[in-house]
Protein backbone atom coordinates (compact mmCIF):
# COMPACT_ATOMS: atom_id res chain seq x y z
CA MET A 1 -0.20 -0.07 0.08
CA ASN A 2 2.37 2.68 0.63
CA LEU A 3 4.57 1.80 -2.27
CA SER A 4 1.15 2.57 -4.36
CA PHE A 5 0.93 6.14 -2.89
CA PHE A 6 4.23 6.79 -4.68
CA ASP A 7 3.06 5.03 -8.57
CA GLN A 8 1.57 8.18 -9.21
CA PHE A 9 4.84 10.42 -9.36
CA SER A 10 6.52 7.30 -11.90
CA SER A 11 6.87 8.52 -15.43
CA PRO A 12 3.97 6.77 -17.40
CA SER A 13 4.86 4.58 -20.64
CA MET A 14 3.39 2.96 -23.45
CA LEU A 15 5.42 0.40 -25.27
CA GLY A 16 8.15 1.32 -23.30
CA ILE A 17 8.07 5.03 -24.48
CA PRO A 18 7.69 7.67 -21.88
CA LEU A 19 5.06 9.69 -22.22
CA VAL A 20 6.59 13.15 -20.69
CA LEU A 21 6.56 15.02 -23.91
CA ILE A 22 3.05 14.85 -24.54
CA ALA A 23 2.19 15.46 -20.74
CA THR A 24 4.56 18.52 -21.02
CA THR A 25 3.20 19.64 -24.90
CA PHE A 26 -0.95 19.21 -23.96
CA PRO A 27 -1.08 22.33 -21.93
CA ALA A 28 -0.21 24.66 -25.12
CA LEU A 29 -3.15 23.14 -27.16
CA LEU A 30 -5.44 24.77 -24.31
CA LEU A 31 -4.19 27.86 -25.19
CA PRO A 32 -6.35 29.68 -27.89
CA SER A 33 -4.84 29.79 -31.29
CA PRO A 34 -4.00 33.44 -32.67
CA GLY A 35 -5.69 35.21 -35.50
CA ASN A 36 -5.72 37.81 -37.71
CA ARG A 37 -7.88 40.04 -35.29
CA TRP A 38 -6.77 41.92 -32.08
CA ILE A 39 -9.43 40.74 -29.85
CA THR A 40 -11.28 36.89 -31.44
CA SER A 41 -13.10 35.96 -28.11
CA ARG A 42 -13.82 36.62 -24.50
CA LEU A 43 -11.21 33.76 -23.78
CA SER A 44 -8.87 35.74 -25.79
CA THR A 45 -9.19 38.65 -24.06
CA LEU A 46 -8.83 37.05 -20.51
CA GLN A 47 -5.65 35.23 -21.86
CA LEU A 48 -4.37 38.64 -22.98
CA TRP A 49 -5.26 40.10 -19.68
CA PHE A 50 -3.50 37.54 -17.70
CA ILE A 51 -0.31 37.56 -20.01
CA ASN A 52 -0.12 41.41 -19.05
CA LEU A 53 -0.72 40.95 -15.57
CA THR A 54 1.96 38.38 -14.73
CA THR A 55 4.61 40.16 -17.04
CA LYS A 56 4.33 43.59 -15.11
CA GLN A 57 4.27 41.58 -12.01
CA LEU A 58 7.45 39.58 -13.23
CA MET A 59 9.20 42.67 -14.69
CA MET A 60 9.00 45.00 -11.22
CA PRO A 61 11.66 44.26 -9.81
CA LEU A 62 14.05 44.49 -13.06
CA ASP A 63 15.42 47.39 -14.76
CA LYS A 64 15.07 48.01 -18.42
CA LYS A 65 18.02 45.75 -19.22
CA GLY A 66 16.23 42.64 -18.08
CA HIS A 67 13.16 43.22 -20.09
CA LYS A 68 14.76 41.63 -22.94
CA TRP A 69 13.74 38.39 -20.88
CA ALA A 70 9.91 39.13 -20.37
CA MET A 71 9.19 36.40 -23.30
CA ILE A 72 11.53 33.66 -21.61
CA LEU A 73 9.81 34.44 -17.74
CA THR A 74 5.98 35.03 -19.07
CA SER A 75 6.07 31.81 -21.58
CA LEU A 76 8.04 29.59 -17.98
CA MET A 77 5.82 30.96 -15.71
CA ILE A 78 2.66 29.85 -17.82
CA PHE A 79 3.78 26.80 -18.65
CA LEU A 80 3.97 25.94 -14.87
CA LEU A 81 1.05 27.43 -13.72
CA LEU A 82 -0.76 25.02 -16.55
CA ILE A 83 1.38 21.71 -16.29
CA ASN A 84 0.43 22.34 -12.29
CA LEU A 85 -2.97 22.55 -12.55
CA LEU A 86 -3.42 20.15 -14.73
CA GLY A 87 -1.88 17.72 -12.58
CA LEU A 88 -4.26 18.02 -9.92
CA LEU A 89 -7.17 16.10 -12.51
CA PRO A 90 -7.79 12.83 -11.41
CA TYR A 91 -5.51 10.13 -13.52
CA THR A 92 -3.05 12.75 -14.70
CA PHE A 93 0.33 12.81 -14.71
CA THR A 94 2.49 16.05 -12.94
CA PRO A 95 5.62 16.48 -14.73
CA THR A 96 7.06 18.96 -11.88
CA THR A 97 6.79 16.37 -9.18
CA GLN A 98 9.72 15.24 -11.23
CA LEU A 99 13.14 16.45 -9.73
CA SER A 100 14.91 15.96 -12.87
CA MET A 101 12.77 17.89 -14.95
CA ASN A 102 12.58 20.49 -12.40
CA LEU A 103 15.94 21.15 -12.48
CA ALA A 104 16.25 21.00 -16.25
CA LEU A 105 14.51 23.91 -16.21
CA ALA A 106 16.08 25.89 -13.07
CA PHE A 107 19.58 25.48 -13.92
CA PRO A 108 19.76 26.63 -17.48
CA LEU A 109 18.16 29.92 -17.01
CA TRP A 110 20.12 29.93 -13.61
CA LEU A 111 23.62 29.81 -15.19
CA ALA A 112 22.12 32.38 -18.40
CA THR A 113 21.89 34.78 -15.40
CA LEU A 114 25.02 34.32 -13.99
CA LEU A 115 26.85 34.15 -17.18
CA VAL A 116 24.70 37.36 -18.23
CA GLY A 117 26.68 39.21 -14.72
CA LEU A 118 30.34 37.99 -15.56
CA ARG A 119 30.03 39.42 -18.98
CA ASN A 120 28.30 42.32 -18.62
CA GLN A 121 29.85 43.59 -14.87
CA PRO A 122 32.50 40.76 -14.20
CA SER A 123 33.89 42.74 -10.95
CA ILE A 124 30.21 43.60 -9.19
CA SER A 125 29.08 40.12 -9.91
CA LEU A 126 32.31 38.62 -8.23
CA GLY A 127 32.18 41.28 -5.71
CA HIS A 128 28.90 39.34 -4.40
CA LEU A 129 31.11 36.25 -3.00
CA LEU A 130 32.94 38.79 -0.19
CA PRO A 131 30.85 41.55 1.43
CA GLU A 132 32.39 44.50 2.15
CA GLY A 133 34.35 45.23 5.16
CA THR A 134 34.91 41.56 5.92
CA PRO A 135 37.74 40.81 8.18
CA THR A 136 40.76 39.20 6.84
CA ALA A 137 40.77 36.27 8.75
CA LEU A 138 36.82 35.16 7.64
CA ILE A 139 37.82 35.89 4.02
CA PRO A 140 38.62 32.39 2.96
CA ALA A 141 35.55 31.14 4.74
CA LEU A 142 33.23 33.76 3.63
CA ILE A 143 34.15 33.21 -0.11
CA MET A 144 33.46 29.49 0.03
CA ILE A 145 29.88 30.06 1.84
CA GLU A 146 28.66 32.54 -0.56
CA THR A 147 29.97 30.02 -3.71
CA THR A 148 28.45 27.76 -1.63
CA SER A 149 24.95 29.62 -1.35
CA LEU A 150 25.07 30.56 -4.84
CA LEU A 151 25.74 26.88 -6.27
CA ILE A 152 23.00 25.33 -4.52
CA ARG A 153 20.23 28.14 -6.23
CA PRO A 154 19.03 26.38 -8.90
CA LEU A 155 19.02 23.22 -6.49
CA ALA A 156 16.88 25.11 -4.21
CA LEU A 157 14.52 26.19 -6.92
CA GLY A 158 14.32 22.53 -7.92
CA VAL A 159 13.01 20.71 -4.98
CA ARG A 160 11.61 23.70 -3.58
CA LEU A 161 8.56 22.81 -6.11
CA THR A 162 9.22 19.26 -6.43
CA ALA A 163 8.31 18.99 -2.26
CA ASN A 164 5.23 21.03 -2.84
CA LEU A 165 3.70 19.58 -5.21
CA THR A 166 4.46 16.12 -4.13
CA ALA A 167 3.81 17.04 -0.41
CA GLY A 168 0.68 17.94 -2.05
CA HIS A 169 -0.53 15.33 -4.09
CA LEU A 170 0.29 12.30 -1.54
CA LEU A 171 -2.14 14.49 0.90
CA ILE A 172 -5.21 14.41 -1.19
CA GLN A 173 -4.47 11.06 -1.97
CA LEU A 174 -4.18 9.48 1.67
CA ILE A 175 -7.46 11.82 2.63
CA SER A 176 -9.16 10.62 -0.59
CA THR A 177 -7.96 6.98 0.32
CA ALA A 178 -9.45 7.57 3.77
CA THR A 179 -12.70 8.81 3.07
CA VAL A 180 -13.73 5.64 0.30
CA THR A 181 -12.47 2.88 3.15
CA LEU A 182 -14.43 5.05 6.06
CA PHE A 183 -17.58 5.37 3.86
CA SER A 184 -18.72 1.63 4.72
CA THR A 185 -17.88 2.03 8.36
CA MET A 186 -18.61 5.30 9.42
CA PRO A 187 -19.95 7.35 7.10
CA ALA A 188 -19.95 10.75 9.14
CA VAL A 189 -15.99 10.64 9.71
CA SER A 190 -16.43 9.88 5.83
CA ILE A 191 -18.03 12.71 5.07
CA LEU A 192 -15.62 14.72 7.20
CA THR A 193 -12.84 13.46 5.94
CA LEU A 194 -14.82 14.40 2.43
CA LEU A 195 -14.82 17.97 3.70
CA ILE A 196 -11.52 18.13 4.63
CA LEU A 197 -10.45 17.23 1.05
CA PHE A 198 -12.49 19.73 -0.76
CA LEU A 199 -10.59 22.67 1.26
CA LEU A 200 -7.17 20.70 1.12
CA THR A 201 -8.06 20.76 -3.41
CA ILE A 202 -8.58 24.35 -3.12
CA LEU A 203 -5.45 24.70 -1.17
CA GLU A 204 -3.69 22.77 -3.67
CA VAL A 205 -5.16 25.04 -6.34
CA ALA A 206 -3.20 28.12 -4.70
CA VAL A 207 -0.64 26.27 -4.55
CA ALA A 208 0.32 25.16 -7.77
CA MET A 209 -0.20 28.90 -8.36
CA ILE A 210 2.10 30.37 -5.95
CA GLN A 211 4.78 27.70 -6.53
CA ALA A 212 4.97 28.73 -10.19
CA TYR A 213 4.80 31.92 -9.46
CA VAL A 214 7.87 31.78 -6.71
CA PHE A 215 9.94 29.64 -9.25
CA VAL A 216 10.10 32.66 -11.99
CA LEU A 217 10.26 35.47 -9.38
CA LEU A 218 13.27 34.00 -7.62
CA LEU A 219 15.05 33.63 -11.39
CA SER A 220 13.94 37.56 -12.16
CA LEU A 221 15.35 37.88 -8.95
CA TYR A 222 18.63 36.34 -9.79
CA LEU A 223 18.96 38.03 -12.94
CA GLN A 224 18.30 41.43 -11.36
CA GLU A 225 21.79 40.62 -9.55
CA ASN A 226 23.46 40.63 -12.74
CA ILE A 227 22.48 43.16 -14.90
């Protein structure tokens, strides 16, 4: 029984072929296709409003030099948001519960922000490794600590997203299993757990949206340090 709780996080496959690619590209099919008109439907209007709001929130902490990253960050935000929300549907697979995928998203973008800083302002970027006014005896230790904290940033991004989504999915499965099991013996307790499951589902929808926003927001903050 304990192993079955984690079966939902295993990558699905058909005839030995992984279906993760289909799971990651399917959200793009839900977006309305562009047409010749500026506004084609209410759904397109809602989509444009949401993209505009998301772009403003992500670009707010950035200077004008970082606005050229608006397309990448906004697309990543919408991509993560759709995958996280679709993963809450029954009998679906959430690719963002895989640490390998989250690291594949976090590491290249973090490395790009770091290389931008080293290319445009190398002295300032390297200066972050050693705070001003540090005693001479603490310089080697602080350089090692700051370097370690810099290198674990992509790992922290991937682990944060994976852990939050995995914990939420496990809680939903545990409570739903308890609801079905208790229905025949203790209907009153089963109804109570069903109410808890409903509230937890609402919470997980909020967590899915917040974690997508936090992932991209931290990348934008890392970018701001290097421009």
